[in-house]
Structures are given as structure tokens and as C-alpha cells.
């Protein structure tokens, strides 16, 4: 779990740094999203071993990700605030997931 947390934290930091160039940040965000979805799937496999607080946090993450994905599928138009849907919301989800991983890592050393 510690390795998974470190990987996600490093990729998040690299993505935030690459946002100084904007375009490279958007590309890095795609990589970050893929890594985080795979990480979330792997944590979900340990569902029975998680505490109730961690289960709620993981369910919240999945709910947010699914709602965000549905928003893209429905092509919800944000007009002048498109940059919020492209950068701010996904990075907020990514930061939440790294926080979630930190919580899980602190409780479960052997997963």
C-alpha cells in the first residue's frame, strides 16, 4: 500500500508541476487518471479488509468519478467555465484520492 501511495503522490506532483505549461499538464493528467483508476480498482479488491471509514471514503471516490464520467458522456456544457471541468475538478478528485490512499496506508501496512 505504501508503494501505491508513493507512486500516486509522485505522479500527482509531476502533473501539478507540468501544469505550468498547461498542455503537458493535461497530458500528464490522463496518465494520472489511469494510474488512479487502476489503484482504486486494486484497493476495491481488498474491500472486506477495509475499515468502515475507508469504505465510505472509497465509495465517495467512486461516486465522484462515476458522476464526473457521466458528465463527460452527457457532454455537459460549462460555457465560460470549461477550464473548471478540464483541470480543477479532475485535479481535486486526484488530490482526494491521494488523501484517501494516505488514510488507507496509515491503517493497513500489509496490503
C-alpha atoms as a PDB file:
ATOM      1  CA  UNK A   1       0.000   0.000   0.000  1.00  0.00           C
ATOM      2  CA  UNK A   2       2.892   2.334   0.754  1.00  0.00           C
ATOM      3  CA  UNK A   3       4.279   1.851  -2.764  1.00  0.00           C
ATOM      4  CA  UNK A   4       0.877   2.566  -4.300  1.00  0.00           C
ATOM      5  CA  UNK A   5       0.604   5.746  -2.237  1.00  0.00           C
ATOM      6  CA  UNK A   6       4.120   6.897  -3.181  1.00  0.00           C
ATOM      7  CA  UNK A   7       3.501   6.256  -6.894  1.00  0.00           C
ATOM      8  CA  UNK A   8       0.246   8.225  -6.865  1.00  0.00           C
ATOM      9  CA  UNK A   9       1.798  11.073  -4.881  1.00  0.00           C
ATOM     10  CA  UNK A  10       4.772  11.364  -7.235  1.00  0.00           C
ATOM     11  CA  UNK A  11       2.596  11.315 -10.375  1.00  0.00           C
ATOM     12  CA  UNK A  12       0.275  13.917  -8.805  1.00  0.00           C
ATOM     13  CA  UNK A  13       3.196  16.222  -8.025  1.00  0.00           C
ATOM     14  CA  UNK A  14       4.640  15.793 -11.532  1.00  0.00           C
ATOM     15  CA  UNK A  15       1.230  16.589 -13.026  1.00  0.00           C
ATOM     16  CA  UNK A  16       0.896  19.720 -10.910  1.00  0.00           C
ATOM     17  CA  UNK A  17       4.377  20.857 -11.963  1.00  0.00           C
ATOM     18  CA  UNK A  18       3.619  20.161 -15.630  1.00  0.00           C
ATOM     19  CA  UNK A  19       0.527  22.357 -15.359  1.00  0.00           C
ATOM     20  CA  UNK A  20       2.939  25.289 -15.526  1.00  0.00           C
ATOM     21  CA  UNK A  21       2.998  24.543 -19.261  1.00  0.00           C
ATOM     22  CA  UNK A  22      -0.773  23.722 -19.305  1.00  0.00           C
ATOM     23  CA  UNK A  23      -0.662  21.381 -22.329  1.00  0.00           C
ATOM     24  CA  UNK A  24       1.836  18.971 -20.760  1.00  0.00           C
ATOM     25  CA  UNK A  25      -0.215  19.099 -17.568  1.00  0.00           C
ATOM     26  CA  UNK A  26      -3.294  17.973 -19.457  1.00  0.00           C
ATOM     27  CA  UNK A  27      -1.382  15.032 -20.937  1.00  0.00           C
ATOM     28  CA  UNK A  28       0.042  14.125 -17.532  1.00  0.00           C
ATOM     29  CA  UNK A  29      -3.460  14.312 -16.098  1.00  0.00           C
ATOM     30  CA  UNK A  30      -4.545  11.484 -18.413  1.00  0.00           C
ATOM     31  CA  UNK A  31      -1.701   9.304 -17.113  1.00  0.00           C
ATOM     32  CA  UNK A  32      -2.540  10.271 -13.527  1.00  0.00           C
ATOM     33  CA  UNK A  33      -6.192   9.363 -14.069  1.00  0.00           C
ATOM     34  CA  UNK A  34      -5.326   5.942 -15.469  1.00  0.00           C
ATOM     35  CA  UNK A  35      -2.961   5.199 -12.580  1.00  0.00           C
ATOM     36  CA  UNK A  36      -5.531   6.304 -10.040  1.00  0.00           C
ATOM     37  CA  UNK A  37      -8.340   4.260 -11.560  1.00  0.00           C
ATOM     38  CA  UNK A  38      -6.140   1.154 -11.536  1.00  0.00           C
ATOM     39  CA  UNK A  39      -5.105   1.923  -7.961  1.00  0.00           C
ATOM     40  CA  UNK A  40      -8.721   2.356  -6.900  1.00  0.00           C
ATOM     41  CA  UNK A  41      -9.627  -0.961  -8.525  1.00  0.00           C
ATOM     42  CA  UNK A  42      -6.824  -2.687  -6.641  1.00  0.00           C
ATOM     43  CA  UNK A  43      -7.940  -1.184  -3.323  1.00  0.00           C
ATOM     44  CA  UNK A  44     -11.514  -2.234  -4.054  1.00  0.00           C
ATOM     45  CA  UNK A  45     -10.271  -5.837  -4.277  1.00  0.00           C
ATOM     46  CA  UNK A  46      -9.393  -5.566  -0.563  1.00  0.00           C
ATOM     47  CA  UNK A  47     -12.888  -4.312   0.309  1.00  0.00           C
ATOM     48  CA  UNK A  48     -13.518  -6.786   3.135  1.00  0.00           C
ATOM     49  CA  UNK A  49     -10.284  -5.818   4.878  1.00  0.00           C
ATOM     50  CA  UNK A  50     -11.054  -2.072   4.887  1.00  0.00           C
ATOM     51  CA  UNK A  51     -12.498  -0.278   7.896  1.00  0.00           C
ATOM     52  CA  UNK A  52     -15.913   1.352   7.555  1.00  0.00           C
ATOM     53  CA  UNK A  53     -14.394   4.844   7.316  1.00  0.00           C
ATOM     54  CA  UNK A  54     -12.136   3.766   4.472  1.00  0.00           C
ATOM     55  CA  UNK A  55     -15.046   2.028   2.729  1.00  0.00           C
ATOM     56  CA  UNK A  56     -17.087   5.239   2.882  1.00  0.00           C
ATOM     57  CA  UNK A  57     -14.164   7.247   1.513  1.00  0.00           C
ATOM     58  CA  UNK A  58     -13.640   4.766  -1.322  1.00  0.00           C
ATOM     59  CA  UNK A  59     -17.357   4.758  -2.150  1.00  0.00           C
ATOM     60  CA  UNK A  60     -17.301   8.555  -2.205  1.00  0.00           C
ATOM     61  CA  UNK A  61     -14.360   8.457  -4.604  1.00  0.00           C
ATOM     62  CA  UNK A  62     -16.123   6.019  -6.942  1.00  0.00           C
ATOM     63  CA  UNK A  63     -19.332   8.064  -6.821  1.00  0.00           C
ATOM     64  CA  UNK A  64     -17.482  11.268  -7.718  1.00  0.00           C
ATOM     65  CA  UNK A  65     -15.565   9.544 -10.540  1.00  0.00           C
ATOM     66  CA  UNK A  66     -18.741   7.998 -11.967  1.00  0.00           C
ATOM     67  CA  UNK A  67     -20.626  11.300 -11.807  1.00  0.00           C
ATOM     68  CA  UNK A  68     -17.715  13.088 -13.465  1.00  0.00           C
ATOM     69  CA  UNK A  69     -17.611  10.421 -16.201  1.00  0.00           C
ATOM     70  CA  UNK A  70     -21.368  10.698 -16.751  1.00  0.00           C
ATOM     71  CA  UNK A  71     -20.934  14.463 -17.073  1.00  0.00           C
ATOM     72  CA  UNK A  72     -18.445  13.904 -19.898  1.00  0.00           C
ATOM     73  CA  UNK A  73     -20.659  11.308 -21.581  1.00  0.00           C
ATOM     74  CA  UNK A  74     -23.636  13.675 -21.459  1.00  0.00           C
ATOM     75  CA  UNK A  75     -21.377  16.462 -22.740  1.00  0.00           C
ATOM     76  CA  UNK A  76     -22.480  18.909 -20.069  1.00  0.00           C
ATOM     77  CA  UNK A  77     -21.529  22.353 -21.335  1.00  0.00           C
ATOM     78  CA  UNK A  78     -19.860  24.622 -18.800  1.00  0.00           C
ATOM     79  CA  UNK A  79     -19.619  27.529 -21.288  1.00  0.00           C
ATOM     80  CA  UNK A  80     -17.089  30.021 -19.947  1.00  0.00           C
ATOM     81  CA  UNK A  81     -16.099  27.710 -17.102  1.00  0.00           C
ATOM     82  CA  UNK A  82     -14.866  24.841 -19.261  1.00  0.00           C
ATOM     83  CA  UNK A  83     -11.402  25.003 -17.662  1.00  0.00           C
ATOM     84  CA  UNK A  84     -13.010  24.031 -14.341  1.00  0.00           C
ATOM     85  CA  UNK A  85     -14.282  20.776 -15.844  1.00  0.00           C
ATOM     86  CA  UNK A  86     -10.994  20.053 -17.573  1.00  0.00           C
ATOM     87  CA  UNK A  87      -8.496  20.966 -14.854  1.00  0.00           C
ATOM     88  CA  UNK A  88      -9.894  21.905 -11.443  1.00  0.00           C
ATOM     89  CA  UNK A  89     -12.408  19.079 -10.951  1.00  0.00           C
ATOM     90  CA  UNK A  90     -10.123  16.214 -12.067  1.00  0.00           C
ATOM     91  CA  UNK A  91      -7.199  17.515 -10.029  1.00  0.00           C
ATOM     92  CA  UNK A  92      -9.473  17.873  -6.993  1.00  0.00           C
ATOM     93  CA  UNK A  93     -10.547  14.258  -7.440  1.00  0.00           C
ATOM     94  CA  UNK A  94      -6.879  13.236  -7.764  1.00  0.00           C
ATOM     95  CA  UNK A  95      -5.909  15.082  -4.584  1.00  0.00           C
ATOM     96  CA  UNK A  96      -8.826  13.460  -2.743  1.00  0.00           C
ATOM     97  CA  UNK A  97      -7.678  10.031  -3.911  1.00  0.00           C
ATOM     98  CA  UNK A  98      -4.093  10.590  -2.746  1.00  0.00           C
ATOM     99  CA  UNK A  99      -5.510  11.689   0.632  1.00  0.00           C
ATOM    100  CA  UNK A 100      -7.636   8.517   0.687  1.00  0.00           C
ATOM    101  CA  UNK A 101      -4.586   6.389  -0.106  1.00  0.00           C
ATOM    102  CA  UNK A 102      -2.699   8.063   2.725  1.00  0.00           C
ATOM    103  CA  UNK A 103      -5.508   7.177   5.140  1.00  0.00           C
ATOM    104  CA  UNK A 104      -5.575   3.578   3.973  1.00  0.00           C
ATOM    105  CA  UNK A 105      -1.761   3.329   4.048  1.00  0.00           C
ATOM    106  CA  UNK A 106      -1.621   4.530   7.642  1.00  0.00           C
ATOM    107  CA  UNK A 107      -4.056   1.816   8.755  1.00  0.00           C
ATOM    108  CA  UNK A 108      -3.011  -1.095   6.551  1.00  0.00           C
ATOM    109  CA  UNK A 109       0.701  -1.702   6.343  1.00  0.00           C
ATOM    110  CA  UNK A 110       0.486  -5.197   4.878  1.00  0.00           C
ATOM    111  CA  UNK A 111      -1.923  -4.614   1.976  1.00  0.00           C
END
